[in-house]
Amino acid sequence: MSLAIRKIVTRVEDTWLEMGQAVTPPARRAAAVAIIGNPCAGRFHADLAALVALSEEIGELLTRRALAALAVEAPAIQSFGKAAMIGENGELEHAAALLHPRLGAPMRAVLGGGKALVPSAKKMGGPGQSIDVPLGHKDAAYVRSHFDAMEVRLADGPRADEALVAIALSTGGRPGARVGGLTHQEIRGDDGLR
């Protein structure tokens, strides 16, 4: 089954000031969001292989889009995340099929690695509803400064027979992070945790 993309939107955020304090360098993050057709919408499918197959293609495409939007090379990415919102004629398991079995591998291939699990969120929703794409350090899950999220929403999707799929990337942690714990500079990056 081929990927039916209706729309792709890419958004970049640069935070220069937080609580009156300069953020140096500015905190940068980007999300690439696609509205795609849901081939499983409208009736129960015991086998969700069609959605799993689409996840590889959309994962690579959106990761490349977010990386290009940040205008950096892959090694500059410190955080990543993924999310899916399914239109009303689908089911929550459709989001799981899009996100979990295969979407992470193409993300890691584009980024040249990533030892940690890719944080994810999934929900049912419709046009104009938002979803938070969780962010976490790509090589060490215990880096608290990188626990974050980027909200995305599209005014016209997902429609009933569609899915919204989003990838978010960041070049650092939260602006002004200061709650302690393992820092980016201290990670070993060998087990995905520390």
Protein backbone atom coordinates (compact mmCIF):
# COMPACT_ATOMS: atom_id res chain seq x y z
CA MET A 1 0.00 0.00 0.00
CA SER A 2 1.38 3.42 -0.88
CA LEU A 3 1.59 6.37 1.47
CA ALA A 4 -1.19 8.91 0.76
CA ILE A 5 0.05 12.27 2.06
CA ARG A 6 -2.43 15.14 2.00
CA LYS A 7 -0.26 17.71 3.74
CA ILE A 8 3.09 18.23 5.44
CA VAL A 9 3.74 21.17 7.76
CA THR A 10 7.10 21.97 9.30
CA ARG A 11 7.51 24.34 12.24
CA VAL A 12 10.64 25.66 13.95
CA GLU A 13 10.80 27.31 17.38
CA ASP A 14 13.77 29.34 18.61
CA THR A 15 13.57 30.45 22.25
CA TRP A 16 15.81 33.45 22.94
CA LEU A 17 14.48 34.58 26.31
CA GLU A 18 12.96 32.65 29.24
CA MET A 19 11.75 34.42 32.42
CA GLY A 20 13.79 37.46 31.45
CA GLN A 21 16.96 35.40 31.08
CA ALA A 22 18.83 35.13 27.79
CA VAL A 23 18.95 31.63 26.34
CA THR A 24 22.41 31.25 24.81
CA PRO A 25 22.53 29.64 22.37
CA PRO A 26 18.80 29.89 21.64
CA ALA A 27 16.87 26.66 22.30
CA ARG A 28 15.89 25.21 18.92
CA ARG A 29 13.34 22.58 18.10
CA ALA A 30 11.35 21.60 15.04
CA ALA A 31 8.35 19.46 14.26
CA ALA A 32 7.44 17.96 10.91
CA VAL A 33 3.78 16.94 10.75
CA ALA A 34 2.00 14.95 8.06
CA ILE A 35 -1.65 14.27 7.42
CA ILE A 36 -1.92 10.87 5.77
CA GLY A 37 -4.73 8.60 4.69
CA ASN A 38 -5.58 5.82 7.14
CA PRO A 39 -6.03 2.63 5.09
CA CYS A 40 -7.56 0.89 8.13
CA ALA A 41 -10.22 3.51 8.86
CA GLY A 42 -13.87 2.54 8.82
CA ARG A 43 -13.73 -1.11 9.86
CA PHE A 44 -11.87 -3.46 12.16
CA HIS A 45 -8.59 -4.93 10.83
CA ALA A 46 -6.99 -7.73 12.84
CA ASP A 47 -3.77 -7.22 10.88
CA LEU A 48 -2.37 -3.67 10.95
CA ALA A 49 0.58 -4.45 8.65
CA ALA A 50 -0.55 -1.76 6.18
CA LEU A 51 -0.04 0.96 8.80
CA VAL A 52 3.22 -0.55 10.04
CA ALA A 53 4.59 -0.47 6.48
CA LEU A 54 3.62 3.20 6.07
CA SER A 55 5.43 4.11 9.29
CA GLU A 56 8.89 3.45 7.84
CA GLU A 57 8.35 5.79 4.90
CA ILE A 58 6.72 8.56 6.91
CA GLY A 59 9.33 8.26 9.68
CA GLU A 60 12.21 8.85 7.31
CA LEU A 61 10.46 11.64 5.42
CA LEU A 62 9.42 13.59 8.52
CA THR A 63 12.79 13.17 10.25
CA ARG A 64 14.54 14.54 7.16
CA ARG A 65 12.09 17.46 7.03
CA ALA A 66 12.58 18.37 10.70
CA LEU A 67 16.36 18.09 10.41
CA ALA A 68 16.41 20.27 7.29
CA ALA A 69 14.20 22.86 9.00
CA LEU A 70 16.70 23.15 11.85
CA ALA A 71 19.49 23.65 9.27
CA VAL A 72 21.96 21.55 11.25
CA GLU A 73 23.81 18.29 10.66
CA ALA A 74 22.45 15.13 12.31
CA PRO A 75 25.07 15.04 15.12
CA ALA A 76 23.69 18.35 16.44
CA ILE A 77 20.37 16.70 17.38
CA GLN A 78 20.14 15.89 21.08
CA SER A 79 16.41 15.12 21.51
CA PHE A 80 13.72 13.37 19.54
CA GLY A 81 10.09 12.31 19.81
CA LYS A 82 7.10 11.08 17.83
CA ALA A 83 3.30 11.27 18.02
CA ALA A 84 0.19 10.23 16.12
CA MET A 85 -3.43 11.37 16.24
CA ILE A 86 -6.05 9.21 14.56
CA GLY A 87 -9.27 10.56 13.04
CA GLU A 88 -12.65 9.38 14.31
CA ASN A 89 -13.08 6.48 11.85
CA GLY A 90 -9.93 4.85 13.16
CA GLU A 91 -8.85 3.47 16.52
CA LEU A 92 -6.06 4.17 18.97
CA GLU A 93 -4.22 0.99 17.96
CA HIS A 94 -3.74 2.55 14.52
CA ALA A 95 -1.53 5.17 16.16
CA ALA A 96 0.46 2.41 17.86
CA ALA A 97 0.93 0.65 14.51
CA LEU A 98 2.23 3.87 12.95
CA LEU A 99 4.62 4.68 15.79
CA HIS A 100 6.05 1.58 17.40
CA PRO A 101 7.12 -1.39 15.33
CA ARG A 102 9.17 0.41 12.66
CA LEU A 103 9.11 4.21 12.79
CA GLY A 104 12.11 4.55 15.13
CA ALA A 105 14.60 2.76 12.88
CA PRO A 106 14.34 5.25 10.00
CA MET A 107 14.58 8.14 12.49
CA ARG A 108 17.81 6.69 13.88
CA ALA A 109 19.16 6.04 10.37
CA VAL A 110 18.64 9.68 9.36
CA LEU A 111 20.14 10.93 12.65
CA GLY A 112 23.08 8.53 12.61
CA GLY A 113 22.06 6.82 15.86
CA GLY A 114 20.01 7.27 18.97
CA LYS A 115 20.36 4.72 21.75
CA ALA A 116 17.32 5.74 23.85
CA LEU A 117 13.73 4.79 23.22
CA VAL A 118 11.92 7.42 21.16
CA PRO A 119 9.28 9.01 23.43
CA SER A 120 5.82 8.84 21.92
CA ALA A 121 2.23 9.98 22.34
CA LYS A 122 -0.95 8.83 20.68
CA LYS A 123 -4.58 9.88 20.77
CA MET A 124 -7.83 10.06 18.91
CA GLY A 125 -8.75 13.48 17.61
CA GLY A 126 -9.95 15.67 14.81
CA PRO A 127 -9.23 18.87 12.93
CA GLY A 128 -7.76 21.61 15.09
CA GLN A 129 -7.03 19.40 18.09
CA SER A 130 -3.51 19.48 19.47
CA ILE A 131 -1.13 16.74 20.46
CA ASP A 132 2.08 17.12 22.44
CA VAL A 133 5.05 15.40 20.87
CA PRO A 134 7.19 14.31 23.83
CA LEU A 135 10.92 14.93 23.61
CA GLY A 136 13.69 13.03 25.32
CA HIS A 137 17.46 12.80 24.92
CA LYS A 138 18.20 10.56 21.97
CA ASP A 139 21.11 8.68 23.58
CA ALA A 140 20.42 8.75 27.34
CA ALA A 141 16.86 8.64 28.66
CA TYR A 142 17.82 9.87 32.15
CA VAL A 143 18.89 13.36 31.03
CA ARG A 144 16.18 15.39 32.82
CA SER A 145 17.02 18.66 31.09
CA HIS A 146 15.76 17.12 27.84
CA PHE A 147 12.32 15.99 29.14
CA ASP A 148 10.12 18.29 27.10
CA ALA A 149 7.28 18.38 24.56
CA MET A 150 6.34 20.33 21.48
CA GLU A 151 2.66 20.99 20.80
CA VAL A 152 1.44 20.56 17.24
CA ARG A 153 -1.98 21.12 15.70
CA LEU A 154 -3.34 21.51 12.19
CA ALA A 155 -6.59 23.34 11.58
CA ASP A 156 -7.82 20.89 8.94
CA GLY A 157 -6.69 17.51 10.16
CA PRO A 158 -6.83 14.75 10.86
CA ARG A 159 -10.16 14.21 9.14
CA ALA A 160 -12.20 11.11 9.96
CA ASP A 161 -10.28 8.74 7.63
CA GLU A 162 -6.84 10.25 8.24
CA ALA A 163 -3.97 10.19 10.69
CA LEU A 164 -1.67 12.98 11.83
CA VAL A 165 1.91 11.81 12.33
CA ALA A 166 4.55 14.09 13.87
CA ILE A 167 8.28 13.93 14.49
CA ALA A 168 10.02 16.49 16.73
CA LEU A 169 13.75 17.14 17.04
CA SER A 170 15.74 19.48 19.26
CA THR A 171 19.33 20.65 19.38
CA GLY A 172 19.30 20.83 23.18
CA GLY A 173 17.20 20.63 26.31
CA ARG A 174 14.60 22.93 27.82
CA PRO A 175 15.54 26.61 28.06
CA GLY A 176 16.76 27.35 31.58
CA ALA A 177 16.76 23.70 32.71
CA ARG A 178 18.05 23.48 36.28
CA VAL A 179 16.44 20.57 38.12
CA GLY A 180 19.64 18.54 38.35
CA GLY A 181 20.40 15.03 37.26
CA LEU A 182 22.56 13.71 34.48
CA THR A 183 23.64 16.37 31.98
CA HIS A 184 24.18 16.07 28.24
CA GLN A 185 27.92 16.47 28.79
CA GLU A 186 28.00 13.55 31.28
CA ILE A 187 26.25 10.87 29.23
CA ARG A 188 27.94 7.65 28.20
CA GLY A 189 25.30 6.87 25.60
CA ASP A 190 26.00 3.14 25.55
CA ASP A 191 22.79 1.68 27.01
CA GLY A 192 20.15 4.24 26.09
CA LEU A 193 19.68 5.15 29.74
CA ARG A 194 22.78 6.98 30.96
